[in-house]
PDB file of N, CA and C in Angstrom:
ATOM      1  N   UNK A   1       9.086  14.022  -6.867  1.00  0.00           N
ATOM      2  CA  UNK A   1       8.646  12.668  -7.140  1.00  0.00           C
ATOM      3  C   UNK A   1       8.009  12.619  -8.531  1.00  0.00           C
ATOM      4  N   UNK A   2       7.636  11.456  -8.952  1.00  0.00           N
ATOM      5  CA  UNK A   2       7.093  11.270 -10.298  1.00  0.00           C
ATOM      6  C   UNK A   2       5.568  11.317 -10.362  1.00  0.00           C
ATOM      7  N   UNK A   3       4.908  11.597  -9.270  1.00  0.00           N
ATOM      8  CA  UNK A   3       3.436  11.603  -9.261  1.00  0.00           C
ATOM      9  C   UNK A   3       2.917  12.753 -10.102  1.00  0.00           C
ATOM     10  N   UNK A   4       1.960  12.452 -10.960  1.00  0.00           N
ATOM     11  CA  UNK A   4       1.309  13.483 -11.782  1.00  0.00           C
ATOM     12  C   UNK A   4       0.024  13.907 -11.089  1.00  0.00           C
ATOM     13  N   UNK A   5      -0.121  15.183 -10.853  1.00  0.00           N
ATOM     14  CA  UNK A   5      -1.297  15.734 -10.188  1.00  0.00           C
ATOM     15  C   UNK A   5      -2.151  16.435 -11.245  1.00  0.00           C
ATOM     16  N   UNK A   6      -3.397  16.016 -11.353  1.00  0.00           N
ATOM     17  CA  UNK A   6      -4.283  16.573 -12.388  1.00  0.00           C
ATOM     18  C   UNK A   6      -4.806  17.963 -12.029  1.00  0.00           C
ATOM     19  N   UNK A   7      -5.168  18.137 -10.775  1.00  0.00           N
ATOM     20  CA  UNK A   7      -5.740  19.422 -10.360  1.00  0.00           C
ATOM     21  C   UNK A   7      -4.727  20.191  -9.527  1.00  0.00           C
ATOM     22  N   UNK A   8      -4.504  21.439  -9.887  1.00  0.00           N
ATOM     23  CA  UNK A   8      -3.507  22.242  -9.168  1.00  0.00           C
ATOM     24  C   UNK A   8      -3.859  22.393  -7.687  1.00  0.00           C
ATOM     25  N   UNK A   9      -5.148  22.340  -7.360  1.00  0.00           N
ATOM     26  CA  UNK A   9      -5.567  22.459  -5.964  1.00  0.00           C
ATOM     27  C   UNK A   9      -5.103  21.264  -5.128  1.00  0.00           C
ATOM     28  N   UNK A  10      -4.832  20.132  -5.777  1.00  0.00           N
ATOM     29  CA  UNK A  10      -4.391  18.932  -5.056  1.00  0.00           C
ATOM     30  C   UNK A  10      -2.891  18.901  -4.791  1.00  0.00           C
ATOM     31  N   UNK A  11      -2.146  19.739  -5.470  1.00  0.00           N
ATOM     32  CA  UNK A  11      -0.691  19.712  -5.328  1.00  0.00           C
ATOM     33  C   UNK A  11      -0.213  20.018  -3.910  1.00  0.00           C
ATOM     34  N   UNK A  12      -0.686  21.071  -3.246  1.00  0.00           N
ATOM     35  CA  UNK A  12      -0.193  21.333  -1.886  1.00  0.00           C
ATOM     36  C   UNK A  12      -0.435  20.164  -0.934  1.00  0.00           C
ATOM     37  N   UNK A  13      -1.572  19.508  -1.072  1.00  0.00           N
ATOM     38  CA  UNK A  13      -1.866  18.361  -0.209  1.00  0.00           C
ATOM     39  C   UNK A  13      -0.878  17.229  -0.485  1.00  0.00           C
ATOM     40  N   UNK A  14      -0.569  16.991  -1.739  1.00  0.00           N
ATOM     41  CA  UNK A  14       0.390  15.937  -2.065  1.00  0.00           C
ATOM     42  C   UNK A  14       1.788  16.281  -1.542  1.00  0.00           C
ATOM     43  N   UNK A  15       2.177  17.507  -1.683  1.00  0.00           N
ATOM     44  CA  UNK A  15       3.508  17.925  -1.220  1.00  0.00           C
ATOM     45  C   UNK A  15       3.656  17.659   0.276  1.00  0.00           C
ATOM     46  N   UNK A  16       2.580  17.839   1.044  1.00  0.00           N
ATOM     47  CA  UNK A  16       2.637  17.579   2.490  1.00  0.00           C
ATOM     48  C   UNK A  16       2.994  16.126   2.800  1.00  0.00           C
ATOM     49  N   UNK A  17       2.699  15.205   1.897  1.00  0.00           N
ATOM     50  CA  UNK A  17       3.042  13.801   2.167  1.00  0.00           C
ATOM     51  C   UNK A  17       4.548  13.588   2.178  1.00  0.00           C
ATOM     52  N   UNK A  18       5.301  14.509   1.609  1.00  0.00           N
ATOM     53  CA  UNK A  18       6.754  14.390   1.550  1.00  0.00           C
ATOM     54  C   UNK A  18       7.464  15.065   2.720  1.00  0.00           C
ATOM     55  N   UNK A  19       6.746  15.828   3.527  1.00  0.00           N
ATOM     56  CA  UNK A  19       7.370  16.493   4.671  1.00  0.00           C
ATOM     57  C   UNK A  19       7.885  15.453   5.654  1.00  0.00           C
ATOM     58  N   UNK A  20       9.035  15.726   6.226  1.00  0.00           N
ATOM     59  CA  UNK A  20       9.603  14.827   7.234  1.00  0.00           C
ATOM     60  C   UNK A  20       8.649  14.660   8.402  1.00  0.00           C
ATOM     61  N   UNK A  21       8.139  15.769   8.894  1.00  0.00           N
ATOM     62  CA  UNK A  21       7.252  15.721  10.059  1.00  0.00           C
ATOM     63  C   UNK A  21       5.824  16.036   9.620  1.00  0.00           C
ATOM     64  N   UNK A  22       5.257  15.167   8.785  1.00  0.00           N
ATOM     65  CA  UNK A  22       3.894  15.435   8.335  1.00  0.00           C
ATOM     66  C   UNK A  22       2.871  15.106   9.419  1.00  0.00           C
ATOM     67  N   UNK A  23       3.335  14.592  10.536  1.00  0.00           N
ATOM     68  CA  UNK A  23       2.449  14.304  11.672  1.00  0.00           C
ATOM     69  C   UNK A  23       1.708  15.563  12.121  1.00  0.00           C
ATOM     70  N   UNK A  24       2.346  16.721  11.961  1.00  0.00           N
ATOM     71  CA  UNK A  24       1.719  17.983  12.352  1.00  0.00           C
ATOM     72  C   UNK A  24       0.487  18.299  11.498  1.00  0.00           C
ATOM     73  N   UNK A  25       0.406  17.703  10.315  1.00  0.00           N
ATOM     74  CA  UNK A  25      -0.709  17.963   9.410  1.00  0.00           C
ATOM     75  C   UNK A  25      -1.791  16.887   9.487  1.00  0.00           C
ATOM     76  N   UNK A  26      -1.567  15.858  10.293  1.00  0.00           N
ATOM     77  CA  UNK A  26      -2.492  14.742  10.345  1.00  0.00           C
ATOM     78  C   UNK A  26      -3.721  15.071  11.183  1.00  0.00           C
ATOM     79  N   UNK A  27      -4.855  14.523  10.756  1.00  0.00           N
ATOM     80  CA  UNK A  27      -6.104  14.622  11.504  1.00  0.00           C
ATOM     81  C   UNK A  27      -6.344  13.250  12.128  1.00  0.00           C
ATOM     82  N   UNK A  28      -6.396  13.191  13.443  1.00  0.00           N
ATOM     83  CA  UNK A  28      -6.510  11.924  14.164  1.00  0.00           C
ATOM     84  C   UNK A  28      -7.964  11.617  14.513  1.00  0.00           C
ATOM     85  N   UNK A  29      -8.297  10.345  14.463  1.00  0.00           N
ATOM     86  CA  UNK A  29      -9.628   9.900  14.844  1.00  0.00           C
ATOM     87  C   UNK A  29      -9.814  10.130  16.342  1.00  0.00           C
ATOM     88  N   UNK A  30     -10.937  10.744  16.737  1.00  0.00           N
ATOM     89  CA  UNK A  30     -11.157  11.032  18.152  1.00  0.00           C
ATOM     90  C   UNK A  30     -11.703   9.843  18.951  1.00  0.00           C
ATOM     91  N   UNK A  31     -12.010   8.730  18.288  1.00  0.00           N
ATOM     92  CA  UNK A  31     -12.588   7.595  18.999  1.00  0.00           C
ATOM     93  C   UNK A  31     -11.505   6.840  19.759  1.00  0.00           C
ATOM     94  N   UNK A  32     -11.835   6.406  20.983  1.00  0.00           N
ATOM     95  CA  UNK A  32     -10.854   5.679  21.812  1.00  0.00           C
ATOM     96  C   UNK A  32     -10.346   4.420  21.113  1.00  0.00           C
ATOM     97  N   UNK A  33      -9.095   4.125  21.296  1.00  0.00           N
ATOM     98  CA  UNK A  33      -8.436   2.926  20.770  1.00  0.00           C
ATOM     99  C   UNK A  33      -8.406   2.858  19.245  1.00  0.00           C
ATOM    100  N   UNK A  34      -8.570   3.977  18.578  1.00  0.00           N
ATOM    101  CA  UNK A  34      -8.485   4.002  17.125  1.00  0.00           C
ATOM    102  C   UNK A  34      -7.269   4.833  16.735  1.00  0.00           C
ATOM    103  N   UNK A  35      -6.386   4.235  15.982  1.00  0.00           N
ATOM    104  CA  UNK A  35      -5.131   4.904  15.610  1.00  0.00           C
ATOM    105  C   UNK A  35      -5.193   5.560  14.236  1.00  0.00           C
ATOM    106  N   UNK A  36      -6.381   5.611  13.620  1.00  0.00           N
ATOM    107  CA  UNK A  36      -6.500   6.156  12.262  1.00  0.00           C
ATOM    108  C   UNK A  36      -6.106   7.631  12.221  1.00  0.00           C
ATOM    109  N   UNK A  37      -5.303   7.984  11.210  1.00  0.00           N
ATOM    110  CA  UNK A  37      -4.916   9.370  10.964  1.00  0.00           C
ATOM    111  C   UNK A  37      -4.957   9.601   9.465  1.00  0.00           C
ATOM    112  N   UNK A  38      -5.291  10.827   9.066  1.00  0.00           N
ATOM    113  CA  UNK A  38      -5.367  11.149   7.640  1.00  0.00           C
ATOM    114  C   UNK A  38      -4.874  12.561   7.395  1.00  0.00           C
ATOM    115  N   UNK A  39      -4.281  12.776   6.241  1.00  0.00           N
ATOM    116  CA  UNK A  39      -3.858  14.121   5.863  1.00  0.00           C
ATOM    117  C   UNK A  39      -5.056  14.989   5.482  1.00  0.00           C
ATOM    118  N   UNK A  40      -6.099  14.373   4.963  1.00  0.00           N
ATOM    119  CA  UNK A  40      -7.277  15.128   4.543  1.00  0.00           C
ATOM    120  C   UNK A  40      -8.377  15.003   5.581  1.00  0.00           C
ATOM    121  N   UNK A  41      -8.919  16.139   5.973  1.00  0.00           N
ATOM    122  CA  UNK A  41      -9.986  16.128   6.970  1.00  0.00           C
ATOM    123  C   UNK A  41     -11.214  15.384   6.439  1.00  0.00           C
ATOM    124  N   UNK A  42     -11.457  15.482   5.131  1.00  0.00           N
ATOM    125  CA  UNK A  42     -12.611  14.785   4.555  1.00  0.00           C
ATOM    126  C   UNK A  42     -12.462  13.270   4.685  1.00  0.00           C
ATOM    127  N   UNK A  43     -11.243  12.756   4.580  1.00  0.00           N
ATOM    128  CA  UNK A  43     -11.031  11.314   4.770  1.00  0.00           C
ATOM    129  C   UNK A  43     -11.305  10.909   6.207  1.00  0.00           C
ATOM    130  N   UNK A  44     -10.954  11.778   7.150  1.00  0.00           N
ATOM    131  CA  UNK A  44     -11.247  11.495   8.555  1.00  0.00           C
ATOM    132  C   UNK A  44     -12.757  11.474   8.785  1.00  0.00           C
ATOM    133  N   UNK A  45     -13.476  12.414   8.184  1.00  0.00           N
ATOM    134  CA  UNK A  45     -14.938  12.441   8.347  1.00  0.00           C
ATOM    135  C   UNK A  45     -15.563  11.155   7.820  1.00  0.00           C
ATOM    136  N   UNK A  46     -15.083  10.678   6.680  1.00  0.00           N
ATOM    137  CA  UNK A  46     -15.585   9.417   6.131  1.00  0.00           C
ATOM    138  C   UNK A  46     -15.248   8.269   7.072  1.00  0.00           C
ATOM    139  N   UNK A  47     -14.046   8.263   7.624  1.00  0.00           N
ATOM    140  CA  UNK A  47     -13.638   7.207   8.553  1.00  0.00           C
ATOM    141  C   UNK A  47     -14.510   7.208   9.801  1.00  0.00           C
ATOM    142  N   UNK A  48     -14.812   8.366  10.332  1.00  0.00           N
ATOM    143  CA  UNK A  48     -15.614   8.459  11.553  1.00  0.00           C
ATOM    144  C   UNK A  48     -16.968   7.779  11.365  1.00  0.00           C
ATOM    145  N   UNK A  49     -17.478   7.807  10.158  1.00  0.00           N
ATOM    146  CA  UNK A  49     -18.765   7.144   9.894  1.00  0.00           C
ATOM    147  C   UNK A  49     -18.673   5.632  10.074  1.00  0.00           C
ATOM    148  N   UNK A  50     -17.454   5.063  10.030  1.00  0.00           N
ATOM    149  CA  UNK A  50     -17.322   3.628  10.307  1.00  0.00           C
ATOM    150  C   UNK A  50     -17.602   3.348  11.780  1.00  0.00           C
ATOM    151  N   UNK A  51     -17.381   4.348  12.628  1.00  0.00           N
ATOM    152  CA  UNK A  51     -17.675   4.201  14.053  1.00  0.00           C
ATOM    153  C   UNK A  51     -19.143   4.497  14.352  1.00  0.00           C
ATOM    154  N   UNK A  52     -19.690   5.497  13.686  1.00  0.00           N
ATOM    155  CA  UNK A  52     -21.052   5.943  13.998  1.00  0.00           C
ATOM    156  C   UNK A  52     -22.128   5.191  13.226  1.00  0.00           C
ATOM    157  N   UNK A  53     -21.749   4.604  12.091  1.00  0.00           N
ATOM    158  CA  UNK A  53     -22.728   3.910  11.260  1.00  0.00           C
ATOM    159  C   UNK A  53     -23.584   4.840  10.420  1.00  0.00           C
ATOM    160  N   UNK A  54     -23.273   6.120  10.435  1.00  0.00           N
ATOM    161  CA  UNK A  54     -24.053   7.109   9.675  1.00  0.00           C
ATOM    162  C   UNK A  54     -23.964   6.827   8.173  1.00  0.00           C
ATOM    163  N   UNK A  55     -25.105   6.808   7.522  1.00  0.00           N
ATOM    164  CA  UNK A  55     -25.182   6.628   6.065  1.00  0.00           C
ATOM    165  C   UNK A  55     -25.672   7.946   5.478  1.00  0.00           C
ATOM    166  N   UNK A  56     -24.759   8.873   5.293  1.00  0.00           N
ATOM    167  CA  UNK A  56     -25.141  10.235   4.932  1.00  0.00           C
ATOM    168  C   UNK A  56     -25.285  10.476   3.434  1.00  0.00           C
ATOM    169  N   UNK A  57     -24.916   9.504   2.623  1.00  0.00           N
ATOM    170  CA  UNK A  57     -25.004   9.683   1.167  1.00  0.00           C
ATOM    171  C   UNK A  57     -26.026   8.691   0.616  1.00  0.00           C
ATOM    172  N   UNK A  58     -27.053   9.222  -0.030  1.00  0.00           N
ATOM    173  CA  UNK A  58     -28.149   8.389  -0.530  1.00  0.00           C
ATOM    174  C   UNK A  58     -28.306   8.538  -2.033  1.00  0.00           C
ATOM    175  N   UNK A  59     -28.638   7.428  -2.668  1.00  0.00           N
ATOM    176  CA  UNK A  59     -28.912   7.433  -4.100  1.00  0.00           C
ATOM    177  C   UNK A  59     -30.271   8.101  -4.325  1.00  0.00           C
ATOM    178  N   UNK A  60     -30.349   9.028  -5.279  1.00  0.00           N
ATOM    179  CA  UNK A  60     -31.626   9.699  -5.529  1.00  0.00           C
ATOM    180  C   UNK A  60     -32.635   8.814  -6.276  1.00  0.00           C
ATOM    181  N   UNK A  61     -32.193   7.660  -6.765  1.00  0.00           N
ATOM    182  CA  UNK A  61     -33.077   6.828  -7.584  1.00  0.00           C
ATOM    183  C   UNK A  61     -33.459   5.497  -6.936  1.00  0.00           C
ATOM    184  N   UNK A  62     -32.849   5.162  -5.808  1.00  0.00           N
ATOM    185  CA  UNK A  62     -33.187   3.907  -5.133  1.00  0.00           C
ATOM    186  C   UNK A  62     -32.905   4.060  -3.638  1.00  0.00           C
ATOM    187  N   UNK A  63     -33.213   3.063  -2.822  1.00  0.00           N
ATOM    188  CA  UNK A  63     -33.020   3.183  -1.365  1.00  0.00           C
ATOM    189  C   UNK A  63     -31.565   3.056  -0.886  1.00  0.00           C
ATOM    190  N   UNK A  64     -30.620   2.819  -1.801  1.00  0.00           N
ATOM    191  CA  UNK A  64     -29.223   2.617  -1.403  1.00  0.00           C
ATOM    192  C   UNK A  64     -28.680   3.827  -0.655  1.00  0.00           C
ATOM    193  N   UNK A  65     -27.966   3.571   0.434  1.00  0.00           N
ATOM    194  CA  UNK A  65     -27.295   4.612   1.219  1.00  0.00           C
ATOM    195  C   UNK A  65     -25.914   4.107   1.599  1.00  0.00           C
ATOM    196  N   UNK A  66     -24.958   5.030   1.734  1.00  0.00           N
ATOM    197  CA  UNK A  66     -23.578   4.643   2.029  1.00  0.00           C
ATOM    198  C   UNK A  66     -22.896   5.687   2.906  1.00  0.00           C
ATOM    199  N   UNK A  67     -21.806   5.280   3.505  1.00  0.00           N
ATOM    200  CA  UNK A  67     -20.998   6.190   4.327  1.00  0.00           C
ATOM    201  C   UNK A  67     -20.079   7.045   3.474  1.00  0.00           C
ATOM    202  N   UNK A  68     -19.721   6.523   2.302  1.00  0.00           N
ATOM    203  CA  UNK A  68     -18.724   7.158   1.453  1.00  0.00           C
ATOM    204  C   UNK A  68     -19.345   7.570   0.124  1.00  0.00           C
ATOM    205  N   UNK A  69     -19.289   8.845  -0.197  1.00  0.00           N
ATOM    206  CA  UNK A  69     -19.894   9.368  -1.420  1.00  0.00           C
ATOM    207  C   UNK A  69     -19.315   8.686  -2.669  1.00  0.00           C
ATOM    208  N   UNK A  70     -18.071   8.293  -2.623  1.00  0.00           N
ATOM    209  CA  UNK A  70     -17.440   7.655  -3.771  1.00  0.00           C
ATOM    210  C   UNK A  70     -18.074   6.305  -4.098  1.00  0.00           C
ATOM    211  N   UNK A  71     -18.825   5.740  -3.159  1.00  0.00           N
ATOM    212  CA  UNK A  71     -19.467   4.443  -3.383  1.00  0.00           C
ATOM    213  C   UNK A  71     -20.809   4.553  -4.096  1.00  0.00           C
ATOM    214  N   UNK A  72     -21.274   5.767  -4.324  1.00  0.00           N
ATOM    215  CA  UNK A  72     -22.561   5.922  -5.021  1.00  0.00           C
ATOM    216  C   UNK A  72     -22.425   5.606  -6.495  1.00  0.00           C
TER     217      UNK A  72
END
């Protein structure tokens, strides 16, 4: 494919998206009635916080807290 991967460590994960049966690599949400699945376990952990309400990432300079580190 034409996707450019910046970090060599990310290439194997991207290649898995092209597998015919990538379902074997998916991490499924354990919560009832939730169909969320992700190739990356870290994405599943972030998703699970939508169910639990956990705000595990906090700004060191103000009271802001979030479920997703990328939102800091």
